[in-house]
Amino acid sequence: MLIHGAAGAVGSIAVRLAREVGAHVIGTGRADARSVVLDLGAQEFLDLGADPLDGVGQVDVVLDVIGGDVLERSTALVRPGGTLVTIAEPPAVQPDDGRAIFFVVEPDRARLADLAQRLRDGRLKPIIGDVRPLAETPAAFARHRRTPGKTIIQVAKD
């Protein structure tokens, strides 16, 4: 399984869930995310700024959270019968002999309860990239794409 943006909020959870079911995970991201992605459990890491995606070969599943050129180039990486899943944008191109899914999350009580239990059990650990006071919210969101993990806005001090 190839997971783009593997150090981010969605990608990091995807890496952990994929490893939990025994998938071989190749994570992508910026060079400075390498250790984070490998620590999450990915067996391989590709620096999207330096490594060509065509060296990956074909994979059963691609999860794209980036979109644009990365999404377009990823269609060629899906093996026959495989699946490309994106949450970034509807794919303009379909894999040759696979399927592409634009995934939009619908809240589901049972799935949320399962994720909450995984968090309580310690099987899922969200990456907290930054904690900012409420007054710095605009600045925090302006830089959120450059911070691995979630940015927490602290409403009140403890």
Foldseek 3Di string as FASTA:
>chain_A
DEEELLLAQVNLQVLLVCVVVPHAYEYEEAPVCVVVNVVSPHPHYDHPVPDDPVVVAADQEYEEADDDPVLVVCLQRHDAQHEYEYCNDADPDHRPRYGYYHDDDDDDPVVVVVVVVCVVVVSDDFDAFEEEEPVCVVVCVVCVVVTGTDYHYDDDDD
